[in-house]
Amino acid sequence: VLMGITQAALNTESFVSAASFQETTRVLTEAAIRGKTDRLVGLKENVIMGHLIPAGTGLAHYELLHVEDPDLRRQQAEALAAAAAAEALADASIAQDSDD
């Protein structure tokens, strides 16, 4: 399939990369409306975002790197505890209603 350079640049999974070429407003608006997430796997989108580029001798190590947000972990634990407490309260309420 033969495409023009504009269409080829816009025909990518990365909306950040596509937005950097042409039709920036349209590309970013569509991405926002559709709730898209850009995984930032390419060179161009990482440069745009100011991240290290996925290239070089350290790439294999970089791909295995897992970064956790301690605040997110705490928030998830609190949400699970709150959900468990709400479920226990609902179960107790149902048990009390069935006893009455």
PDB file of N, CA and C in Angstrom:
ATOM      1  N   VAL A   1       0.855  -1.174   0.000  1.00  0.00           N
ATOM      2  CA  VAL A   1       0.000   0.000   0.000  1.00  0.00           C
ATOM      3  C   VAL A   1       0.895   1.229   0.000  1.00  0.00           C
ATOM      4  N   LEU A   2       0.647   2.097  -0.933  1.00  0.00           N
ATOM      5  CA  LEU A   2       1.435   3.313  -1.076  1.00  0.00           C
ATOM      6  C   LEU A   2       0.657   4.479  -0.482  1.00  0.00           C
ATOM      7  N   MET A   3       1.282   5.209   0.459  1.00  0.00           N
ATOM      8  CA  MET A   3       0.640   6.358   1.104  1.00  0.00           C
ATOM      9  C   MET A   3       1.543   7.569   0.976  1.00  0.00           C
ATOM     10  N   GLY A   4       0.915   8.722   1.055  1.00  0.00           N
ATOM     11  CA  GLY A   4       1.695   9.950   1.110  1.00  0.00           C
ATOM     12  C   GLY A   4       2.365  10.061   2.467  1.00  0.00           C
ATOM     13  N   ILE A   5       3.358  10.924   2.579  1.00  0.00           N
ATOM     14  CA  ILE A   5       4.098  11.055   3.834  1.00  0.00           C
ATOM     15  C   ILE A   5       3.206  11.516   4.981  1.00  0.00           C
ATOM     16  N   THR A   6       2.245  12.391   4.702  1.00  0.00           N
ATOM     17  CA  THR A   6       1.344  12.869   5.750  1.00  0.00           C
ATOM     18  C   THR A   6       0.507  11.726   6.293  1.00  0.00           C
ATOM     19  N   GLN A   7      -0.088  10.939   5.414  1.00  0.00           N
ATOM     20  CA  GLN A   7      -0.924   9.818   5.844  1.00  0.00           C
ATOM     21  C   GLN A   7      -0.091   8.784   6.568  1.00  0.00           C
ATOM     22  N   ALA A   8       1.118   8.528   6.105  1.00  0.00           N
ATOM     23  CA  ALA A   8       1.990   7.549   6.755  1.00  0.00           C
ATOM     24  C   ALA A   8       2.336   7.998   8.178  1.00  0.00           C
ATOM     25  N   ALA A   9       2.594   9.288   8.360  1.00  0.00           N
ATOM     26  CA  ALA A   9       2.935   9.807   9.688  1.00  0.00           C
ATOM     27  C   ALA A   9       1.737   9.768  10.626  1.00  0.00           C
ATOM     28  N   LEU A  10       0.547   9.976  10.096  1.00  0.00           N
ATOM     29  CA  LEU A  10      -0.655   9.966  10.928  1.00  0.00           C
ATOM     30  C   LEU A  10      -1.152   8.552  11.197  1.00  0.00           C
ATOM     31  N   ASN A  11      -0.699   7.585  10.421  1.00  0.00           N
ATOM     32  CA  ASN A  11      -1.154   6.205  10.547  1.00  0.00           C
ATOM     33  C   ASN A  11      -0.229   5.442  11.504  1.00  0.00           C
ATOM     34  N   THR A  12      -0.267   5.810  12.774  1.00  0.00           N
ATOM     35  CA  THR A  12       0.567   5.184  13.794  1.00  0.00           C
ATOM     36  C   THR A  12      -0.268   4.960  15.041  1.00  0.00           C
ATOM     37  N   GLU A  13       0.137   4.013  15.882  1.00  0.00           N
ATOM     38  CA  GLU A  13      -0.587   3.759  17.131  1.00  0.00           C
ATOM     39  C   GLU A  13      -0.357   4.876  18.141  1.00  0.00           C
ATOM     40  N   SER A  14       0.748   5.590  18.024  1.00  0.00           N
ATOM     41  CA  SER A  14       1.083   6.651  18.960  1.00  0.00           C
ATOM     42  C   SER A  14       0.443   7.968  18.527  1.00  0.00           C
ATOM     43  N   PHE A  15      -0.518   8.440  19.325  1.00  0.00           N
ATOM     44  CA  PHE A  15      -1.141   9.716  18.970  1.00  0.00           C
ATOM     45  C   PHE A  15      -0.188  10.882  19.237  1.00  0.00           C
ATOM     46  N   VAL A  16       0.753  10.724  20.159  1.00  0.00           N
ATOM     47  CA  VAL A  16       1.734  11.781  20.408  1.00  0.00           C
ATOM     48  C   VAL A  16       2.615  11.960  19.176  1.00  0.00           C
ATOM     49  N   SER A  17       3.055  10.855  18.615  1.00  0.00           N
ATOM     50  CA  SER A  17       3.872  10.901  17.406  1.00  0.00           C
ATOM     51  C   SER A  17       3.081  11.480  16.239  1.00  0.00           C
ATOM     52  N   ALA A  18       1.840  11.041  16.075  1.00  0.00           N
ATOM     53  CA  ALA A  18       0.999  11.535  14.980  1.00  0.00           C
ATOM     54  C   ALA A  18       0.730  13.031  15.131  1.00  0.00           C
ATOM     55  N   ALA A  19       0.485  13.483  16.357  1.00  0.00           N
ATOM     56  CA  ALA A  19       0.176  14.892  16.592  1.00  0.00           C
ATOM     57  C   ALA A  19       1.374  15.791  16.319  1.00  0.00           C
ATOM     58  N   SER A  20       2.566  15.240  16.385  1.00  0.00           N
ATOM     59  CA  SER A  20       3.755  16.057  16.160  1.00  0.00           C
ATOM     60  C   SER A  20       3.972  16.368  14.689  1.00  0.00           C
ATOM     61  N   PHE A  21       3.271  15.690  13.811  1.00  0.00           N
ATOM     62  CA  PHE A  21       3.519  15.870  12.389  1.00  0.00           C
ATOM     63  C   PHE A  21       2.604  16.923  11.788  1.00  0.00           C
ATOM     64  N   GLN A  22       1.324  16.640  11.709  1.00  0.00           N
ATOM     65  CA  GLN A  22       0.341  17.589  11.178  1.00  0.00           C
ATOM     66  C   GLN A  22      -0.997  17.302  11.830  1.00  0.00           C
ATOM     67  N   GLU A  23      -1.930  18.207  11.642  1.00  0.00           N
ATOM     68  CA  GLU A  23      -3.286  18.051  12.171  1.00  0.00           C
ATOM     69  C   GLU A  23      -3.260  17.798  13.682  1.00  0.00           C
ATOM     70  N   THR A  24      -2.420  18.542  14.379  1.00  0.00           N
ATOM     71  CA  THR A  24      -2.210  18.354  15.812  1.00  0.00           C
ATOM     72  C   THR A  24      -3.507  18.425  16.602  1.00  0.00           C
ATOM     73  N   THR A  25      -4.301  19.460  16.369  1.00  0.00           N
ATOM     74  CA  THR A  25      -5.542  19.632  17.119  1.00  0.00           C
ATOM     75  C   THR A  25      -6.486  18.467  16.897  1.00  0.00           C
ATOM     76  N   ARG A  26      -6.650  18.050  15.644  1.00  0.00           N
ATOM     77  CA  ARG A  26      -7.560  16.946  15.342  1.00  0.00           C
ATOM     78  C   ARG A  26      -7.087  15.649  15.992  1.00  0.00           C
ATOM     79  N   VAL A  27      -5.805  15.364  15.886  1.00  0.00           N
ATOM     80  CA  VAL A  27      -5.259  14.121  16.444  1.00  0.00           C
ATOM     81  C   VAL A  27      -5.415  14.097  17.960  1.00  0.00           C
ATOM     82  N   LEU A  28      -5.071  15.195  18.638  1.00  0.00           N
ATOM     83  CA  LEU A  28      -5.177  15.240  20.098  1.00  0.00           C
ATOM     84  C   LEU A  28      -6.628  15.230  20.564  1.00  0.00           C
ATOM     85  N   THR A  29      -7.512  15.898  19.822  1.00  0.00           N
ATOM     86  CA  THR A  29      -8.933  15.895  20.176  1.00  0.00           C
ATOM     87  C   THR A  29      -9.510  14.491  20.064  1.00  0.00           C
ATOM     88  N   GLU A  30      -9.219  13.805  18.967  1.00  0.00           N
ATOM     89  CA  GLU A  30      -9.700  12.426  18.792  1.00  0.00           C
ATOM     90  C   GLU A  30      -9.176  11.517  19.895  1.00  0.00           C
ATOM     91  N   ALA A  31      -7.906  11.661  20.234  1.00  0.00           N
ATOM     92  CA  ALA A  31      -7.311  10.833  21.284  1.00  0.00           C
ATOM     93  C   ALA A  31      -7.994  11.084  22.625  1.00  0.00           C
ATOM     94  N   ALA A  32      -8.286  12.341  22.925  1.00  0.00           N
ATOM     95  CA  ALA A  32      -8.947  12.678  24.185  1.00  0.00           C
ATOM     96  C   ALA A  32     -10.371  12.149  24.222  1.00  0.00           C
ATOM     97  N   ILE A  33     -11.103  12.321  23.139  1.00  0.00           N
ATOM     98  CA  ILE A  33     -12.494  11.860  23.086  1.00  0.00           C
ATOM     99  C   ILE A  33     -12.570  10.346  23.246  1.00  0.00           C
ATOM    100  N   ARG A  34     -11.630   9.646  22.624  1.00  0.00           N
ATOM    101  CA  ARG A  34     -11.641   8.175  22.672  1.00  0.00           C
ATOM    102  C   ARG A  34     -10.937   7.618  23.909  1.00  0.00           C
ATOM    103  N   GLY A  35     -10.398   8.490  24.748  1.00  0.00           N
ATOM    104  CA  GLY A  35      -9.718   8.040  25.963  1.00  0.00           C
ATOM    105  C   GLY A  35      -8.480   7.207  25.682  1.00  0.00           C
ATOM    106  N   LYS A  36      -7.773   7.551  24.617  1.00  0.00           N
ATOM    107  CA  LYS A  36      -6.603   6.770  24.219  1.00  0.00           C
ATOM    108  C   LYS A  36      -5.453   6.941  25.211  1.00  0.00           C
ATOM    109  N   THR A  37      -4.630   5.910  25.293  1.00  0.00           N
ATOM    110  CA  THR A  37      -3.416   5.930  26.090  1.00  0.00           C
ATOM    111  C   THR A  37      -2.243   5.665  25.167  1.00  0.00           C
ATOM    112  N   ASP A  38      -1.234   6.496  25.247  1.00  0.00           N
ATOM    113  CA  ASP A  38      -0.038   6.306  24.428  1.00  0.00           C
ATOM    114  C   ASP A  38       1.012   5.619  25.291  1.00  0.00           C
ATOM    115  N   ARG A  39       1.461   4.460  24.875  1.00  0.00           N
ATOM    116  CA  ARG A  39       2.418   3.678  25.656  1.00  0.00           C
ATOM    117  C   ARG A  39       3.855   4.176  25.522  1.00  0.00           C
ATOM    118  N   LEU A  40       4.081   5.175  24.690  1.00  0.00           N
ATOM    119  CA  LEU A  40       5.401   5.796  24.531  1.00  0.00           C
ATOM    120  C   LEU A  40       6.501   4.762  24.282  1.00  0.00           C
ATOM    121  N   VAL A  41       6.302   3.925  23.279  1.00  0.00           N
ATOM    122  CA  VAL A  41       7.295   2.898  22.980  1.00  0.00           C
ATOM    123  C   VAL A  41       8.279   3.315  21.895  1.00  0.00           C
ATOM    124  N   GLY A  42       7.968   4.345  21.152  1.00  0.00           N
ATOM    125  CA  GLY A  42       8.843   4.764  20.057  1.00  0.00           C
ATOM    126  C   GLY A  42       9.798   5.870  20.448  1.00  0.00           C
ATOM    127  N   LEU A  43      10.770   6.077  19.592  1.00  0.00           N
ATOM    128  CA  LEU A  43      11.783   7.102  19.805  1.00  0.00           C
ATOM    129  C   LEU A  43      11.168   8.499  19.817  1.00  0.00           C
ATOM    130  N   LYS A  44      10.367   8.791  18.804  1.00  0.00           N
ATOM    131  CA  LYS A  44       9.829  10.138  18.608  1.00  0.00           C
ATOM    132  C   LYS A  44       8.970  10.592  19.785  1.00  0.00           C
ATOM    133  N   GLU A  45       8.042   9.760  20.221  1.00  0.00           N
ATOM    134  CA  GLU A  45       7.162  10.175  21.316  1.00  0.00           C
ATOM    135  C   GLU A  45       7.906  10.322  22.638  1.00  0.00           C
ATOM    136  N   ASN A  46       8.961   9.540  22.854  1.00  0.00           N
ATOM    137  CA  ASN A  46       9.755   9.690  24.067  1.00  0.00           C
ATOM    138  C   ASN A  46      10.569  10.975  24.048  1.00  0.00           C
ATOM    139  N   VAL A  47      11.090  11.352  22.894  1.00  0.00           N
ATOM    140  CA  VAL A  47      11.811  12.626  22.766  1.00  0.00           C
ATOM    141  C   VAL A  47      10.852  13.781  23.030  1.00  0.00           C
ATOM    142  N   ILE A  48       9.658  13.718  22.460  1.00  0.00           N
ATOM    143  CA  ILE A  48       8.660  14.777  22.651  1.00  0.00           C
ATOM    144  C   ILE A  48       8.327  14.949  24.128  1.00  0.00           C
ATOM    145  N   MET A  49       8.206  13.835  24.856  1.00  0.00           N
ATOM    146  CA  MET A  49       7.834  13.887  26.269  1.00  0.00           C
ATOM    147  C   MET A  49       9.035  14.147  27.186  1.00  0.00           C
ATOM    148  N   GLY A  50      10.244  14.185  26.610  1.00  0.00           N
ATOM    149  CA  GLY A  50      11.434  14.442  27.411  1.00  0.00           C
ATOM    150  C   GLY A  50      11.916  13.230  28.185  1.00  0.00           C
ATOM    151  N   HIS A  51      11.551  12.028  27.738  1.00  0.00           N
ATOM    152  CA  HIS A  51      11.978  10.794  28.398  1.00  0.00           C
ATOM    153  C   HIS A  51      13.222  10.241  27.721  1.00  0.00           C
ATOM    154  N   LEU A  52      13.856   9.285  28.383  1.00  0.00           N
ATOM    155  CA  LEU A  52      14.960   8.572  27.745  1.00  0.00           C
ATOM    156  C   LEU A  52      14.416   7.818  26.546  1.00  0.00           C
ATOM    157  N   ILE A  53      15.210   7.739  25.498  1.00  0.00           N
ATOM    158  CA  ILE A  53      14.740   7.053  24.298  1.00  0.00           C
ATOM    159  C   ILE A  53      14.933   5.546  24.444  1.00  0.00           C
ATOM    160  N   PRO A  54      14.019   4.766  23.873  1.00  0.00           N
ATOM    161  CA  PRO A  54      14.140   3.307  23.954  1.00  0.00           C
ATOM    162  C   PRO A  54      15.123   2.788  22.911  1.00  0.00           C
ATOM    163  N   ALA A  55      16.402   3.033  23.131  1.00  0.00           N
ATOM    164  CA  ALA A  55      17.429   2.602  22.184  1.00  0.00           C
ATOM    165  C   ALA A  55      18.757   2.502  22.914  1.00  0.00           C
ATOM    166  N   GLY A  56      19.686   1.788  22.323  1.00  0.00           N
ATOM    167  CA  GLY A  56      21.027   1.688  22.871  1.00  0.00           C
ATOM    168  C   GLY A  56      21.271   0.384  23.596  1.00  0.00           C
ATOM    169  N   THR A  57      22.463   0.284  24.204  1.00  0.00           N
ATOM    170  CA  THR A  57      22.873  -0.970  24.836  1.00  0.00           C
ATOM    171  C   THR A  57      22.075  -1.284  26.095  1.00  0.00           C
ATOM    172  N   GLY A  58      21.476  -0.295  26.720  1.00  0.00           N
ATOM    173  CA  GLY A  58      20.703  -0.532  27.936  1.00  0.00           C
ATOM    174  C   GLY A  58      19.239  -0.837  27.690  1.00  0.00           C
ATOM    175  N   LEU A  59      18.841  -0.963  26.437  1.00  0.00           N
ATOM    176  CA  LEU A  59      17.427  -1.157  26.112  1.00  0.00           C
ATOM    177  C   LEU A  59      16.857  -2.425  26.732  1.00  0.00           C
ATOM    178  N   ALA A  60      17.584  -3.527  26.687  1.00  0.00           N
ATOM    179  CA  ALA A  60      17.075  -4.786  27.247  1.00  0.00           C
ATOM    180  C   ALA A  60      16.787  -4.626  28.734  1.00  0.00           C
ATOM    181  N   HIS A  61      17.683  -3.954  29.464  1.00  0.00           N
ATOM    182  CA  HIS A  61      17.471  -3.707  30.895  1.00  0.00           C
ATOM    183  C   HIS A  61      16.280  -2.775  31.107  1.00  0.00           C
ATOM    184  N   TYR A  62      16.165  -1.766  30.265  1.00  0.00           N
ATOM    185  CA  TYR A  62      15.080  -0.793  30.355  1.00  0.00           C
ATOM    186  C   TYR A  62      13.717  -1.465  30.183  1.00  0.00           C
ATOM    187  N   GLU A  63      13.623  -2.415  29.258  1.00  0.00           N
ATOM    188  CA  GLU A  63      12.351  -3.092  29.009  1.00  0.00           C
ATOM    189  C   GLU A  63      11.921  -3.942  30.194  1.00  0.00           C
ATOM    190  N   LEU A  64      12.875  -4.416  30.998  1.00  0.00           N
ATOM    191  CA  LEU A  64      12.565  -5.245  32.162  1.00  0.00           C
ATOM    192  C   LEU A  64      12.300  -4.416  33.416  1.00  0.00           C
ATOM    193  N   LEU A  65      12.535  -3.123  33.349  1.00  0.00           N
ATOM    194  CA  LEU A  65      12.380  -2.237  34.494  1.00  0.00           C
ATOM    195  C   LEU A  65      10.908  -2.035  34.821  1.00  0.00           C
ATOM    196  N   HIS A  66      10.563  -2.199  36.096  1.00  0.00           N
ATOM    197  CA  HIS A  66       9.186  -1.988  36.548  1.00  0.00           C
ATOM    198  C   HIS A  66       9.213  -0.909  37.628  1.00  0.00           C
ATOM    199  N   VAL A  67       8.479   0.164  37.415  1.00  0.00           N
ATOM    200  CA  VAL A  67       8.454   1.285  38.351  1.00  0.00           C
ATOM    201  C   VAL A  67       7.085   1.330  39.012  1.00  0.00           C
ATOM    202  N   GLU A  68       7.096   1.418  40.339  1.00  0.00           N
ATOM    203  CA  GLU A  68       5.842   1.496  41.083  1.00  0.00           C
ATOM    204  C   GLU A  68       5.742   2.848  41.768  1.00  0.00           C
ATOM    205  N   ASP A  69       4.532   3.330  41.870  1.00  0.00           N
ATOM    206  CA  ASP A  69       4.250   4.569  42.577  1.00  0.00           C
ATOM    207  C   ASP A  69       3.775   4.197  43.979  1.00  0.00           C
ATOM    208  N   PRO A  70       4.554   4.505  45.037  1.00  0.00           N
ATOM    209  CA  PRO A  70       4.150   4.115  46.390  1.00  0.00           C
ATOM    210  C   PRO A  70       2.821   4.738  46.806  1.00  0.00           C
ATOM    211  N   ASP A  71       2.540   5.952  46.353  1.00  0.00           N
ATOM    212  CA  ASP A  71       1.264   6.584  46.687  1.00  0.00           C
ATOM    213  C   ASP A  71       0.110   5.828  46.045  1.00  0.00           C
ATOM    214  N   LEU A  72       0.296   5.393  44.810  1.00  0.00           N
ATOM    215  CA  LEU A  72      -0.741   4.626  44.128  1.00  0.00           C
ATOM    216  C   LEU A  72      -0.971   3.306  44.845  1.00  0.00           C
ATOM    217  N   ARG A  73       0.095   2.649  45.262  1.00  0.00           N
ATOM    218  CA  ARG A  73      -0.020   1.379  45.996  1.00  0.00           C
ATOM    219  C   ARG A  73      -0.827   1.593  47.281  1.00  0.00           C
ATOM    220  N   ARG A  74      -0.546   2.685  48.015  1.00  0.00           N
ATOM    221  CA  ARG A  74      -1.267   2.991  49.251  1.00  0.00           C
ATOM    222  C   ARG A  74      -2.739   3.264  48.964  1.00  0.00           C
ATOM    223  N   GLN A  75      -3.014   4.048  47.907  1.00  0.00           N
ATOM    224  CA  GLN A  75      -4.396   4.355  47.541  1.00  0.00           C
ATOM    225  C   GLN A  75      -5.162   3.091  47.168  1.00  0.00           C
ATOM    226  N   GLN A  76      -4.504   2.175  46.454  1.00  0.00           N
ATOM    227  CA  GLN A  76      -5.156   0.920  46.087  1.00  0.00           C
ATOM    228  C   GLN A  76      -5.463   0.092  47.326  1.00  0.00           C
ATOM    229  N   ALA A  77      -4.535   0.044  48.277  1.00  0.00           N
ATOM    230  CA  ALA A  77      -4.750  -0.709  49.513  1.00  0.00           C
ATOM    231  C   ALA A  77      -5.904  -0.110  50.312  1.00  0.00           C
ATOM    232  N   GLU A  78      -5.961   1.217  50.386  1.00  0.00           N
ATOM    233  CA  GLU A  78      -7.057   1.878  51.096  1.00  0.00           C
ATOM    234  C   GLU A  78      -8.396   1.616  50.419  1.00  0.00           C
ATOM    235  N   ALA A  79      -8.412   1.639  49.092  1.00  0.00           N
ATOM    236  CA  ALA A  79      -9.651   1.379  48.354  1.00  0.00           C
ATOM    237  C   ALA A  79     -10.120  -0.052  48.572  1.00  0.00           C
ATOM    238  N   LEU A  80      -9.186  -1.000  48.582  1.00  0.00           N
ATOM    239  CA  LEU A  80      -9.556  -2.396  48.839  1.00  0.00           C
ATOM    240  C   LEU A  80     -10.094  -2.567  50.255  1.00  0.00           C
ATOM    241  N   ALA A  81      -9.469  -1.910  51.224  1.00  0.00           N
ATOM    242  CA  ALA A  81      -9.932  -1.990  52.609  1.00  0.00           C
ATOM    243  C   ALA A  81     -11.322  -1.378  52.750  1.00  0.00           C
ATOM    244  N   ALA A  82     -11.559  -0.256  52.095  1.00  0.00           N
ATOM    245  CA  ALA A  82     -12.874   0.389  52.149  1.00  0.00           C
ATOM    246  C   ALA A  82     -13.934  -0.486  51.494  1.00  0.00           C
ATOM    247  N   ALA A  83     -13.593  -1.116  50.374  1.00  0.00           N
ATOM    248  CA  ALA A  83     -14.543  -1.995  49.690  1.00  0.00           C
ATOM    249  C   ALA A  83     -14.862  -3.210  50.551  1.00  0.00           C
ATOM    250  N   ALA A  84     -13.850  -3.766  51.212  1.00  0.00           N
ATOM    251  CA  ALA A  84     -14.069  -4.920  52.085  1.00  0.00           C
ATOM    252  C   ALA A  84     -14.944  -4.532  53.273  1.00  0.00           C
ATOM    253  N   ALA A  85     -14.707  -3.353  53.838  1.00  0.00           N
ATOM    254  CA  ALA A  85     -15.517  -2.884  54.962  1.00  0.00           C
ATOM    255  C   ALA A  85     -16.962  -2.655  54.532  1.00  0.00           C
ATOM    256  N   ALA A  86     -17.158  -2.076  53.358  1.00  0.00           N
ATOM    257  CA  ALA A  86     -18.513  -1.842  52.851  1.00  0.00           C
ATOM    258  C   ALA A  86     -19.226  -3.159  52.590  1.00  0.00           C
ATOM    259  N   GLU A  87     -18.508  -4.137  52.059  1.00  0.00           N
ATOM    260  CA  GLU A  87     -19.112  -5.448  51.795  1.00  0.00           C
ATOM    261  C   GLU A  87     -19.488  -6.143  53.101  1.00  0.00           C
ATOM    262  N   ALA A  88     -18.617  -6.046  54.113  1.00  0.00           N
ATOM    263  CA  ALA A  88     -18.908  -6.644  55.415  1.00  0.00           C
ATOM    264  C   ALA A  88     -20.119  -5.977  56.050  1.00  0.00           C
ATOM    265  N   LEU A  89     -20.218  -4.666  55.925  1.00  0.00           N
ATOM    266  CA  LEU A  89     -21.358  -3.925  56.463  1.00  0.00           C
ATOM    267  C   LEU A  89     -22.644  -4.332  55.757  1.00  0.00           C
ATOM    268  N   ALA A  90     -22.583  -4.480  54.440  1.00  0.00           N
ATOM    269  CA  ALA A  90     -23.759  -4.899  53.673  1.00  0.00           C
ATOM    270  C   ALA A  90     -24.168  -6.314  54.053  1.00  0.00           C
ATOM    271  N   ASP A  91     -23.199  -7.210  54.229  1.00  0.00           N
ATOM    272  CA  ASP A  91     -23.502  -8.590  54.636  1.00  0.00           C
ATOM    273  C   ASP A  91     -24.149  -8.617  56.014  1.00  0.00           C
ATOM    274  N   ALA A  92     -23.637  -7.795  56.933  1.00  0.00           N
ATOM    275  CA  ALA A  92     -24.200  -7.731  58.280  1.00  0.00           C
ATOM    276  C   ALA A  92     -25.622  -7.194  58.241  1.00  0.00           C
ATOM    277  N   SER A  93     -25.872  -6.210  57.396  1.00  0.00           N
ATOM    278  CA  SER A  93     -27.207  -5.637  57.264  1.00  0.00           C
ATOM    279  C   SER A  93     -28.182  -6.661  56.702  1.00  0.00           C
ATOM    280  N   ILE A  94     -27.745  -7.426  55.717  1.00  0.00           N
ATOM    281  CA  ILE A  94     -28.594  -8.467  55.122  1.00  0.00           C
ATOM    282  C   ILE A  94     -28.884  -9.549  56.147  1.00  0.00           C
ATOM    283  N   ALA A  95     -27.865  -9.935  56.922  1.00  0.00           N
ATOM    284  CA  ALA A  95     -28.049 -10.962  57.948  1.00  0.00           C
ATOM    285  C   ALA A  95     -29.019 -10.480  59.017  1.00  0.00           C
ATOM    286  N   GLN A  96     -28.923  -9.210  59.392  1.00  0.00           N
ATOM    287  CA  GLN A  96     -29.813  -8.658  60.410  1.00  0.00           C
ATOM    288  C   GLN A  96     -31.245  -8.606  59.889  1.00  0.00           C
ATOM    289  N   ASP A  97     -31.424  -8.224  58.623  1.00  0.00           N
ATOM    290  CA  ASP A  97     -32.757  -8.170  58.024  1.00  0.00           C
ATOM    291  C   ASP A  97     -33.382  -9.553  57.940  1.00  0.00           C
ATOM    292  N   SER A  98     -32.592 -10.568  57.672  1.00  0.00           N
ATOM    293  CA  SER A  98     -33.140 -11.921  57.555  1.00  0.00           C
ATOM    294  C   SER A  98     -33.478 -12.494  58.920  1.00  0.00           C
ATOM    295  N   ASP A  99     -32.807 -12.004  59.984  1.00  0.00           N
ATOM    296  CA  ASP A  99     -33.117 -12.456  61.341  1.00  0.00           C
ATOM    297  C   ASP A  99     -34.410 -11.835  61.853  1.00  0.00           C
ATOM    298  N   ASP A 100     -34.743 -10.656  61.349  1.00  0.00           N
ATOM    299  CA  ASP A 100     -35.947  -9.943  61.829  1.00  0.00           C
ATOM    300  C   ASP A 100     -37.177 -10.501  61.253  1.00  0.00           C
TER     301      ASP A 100
END
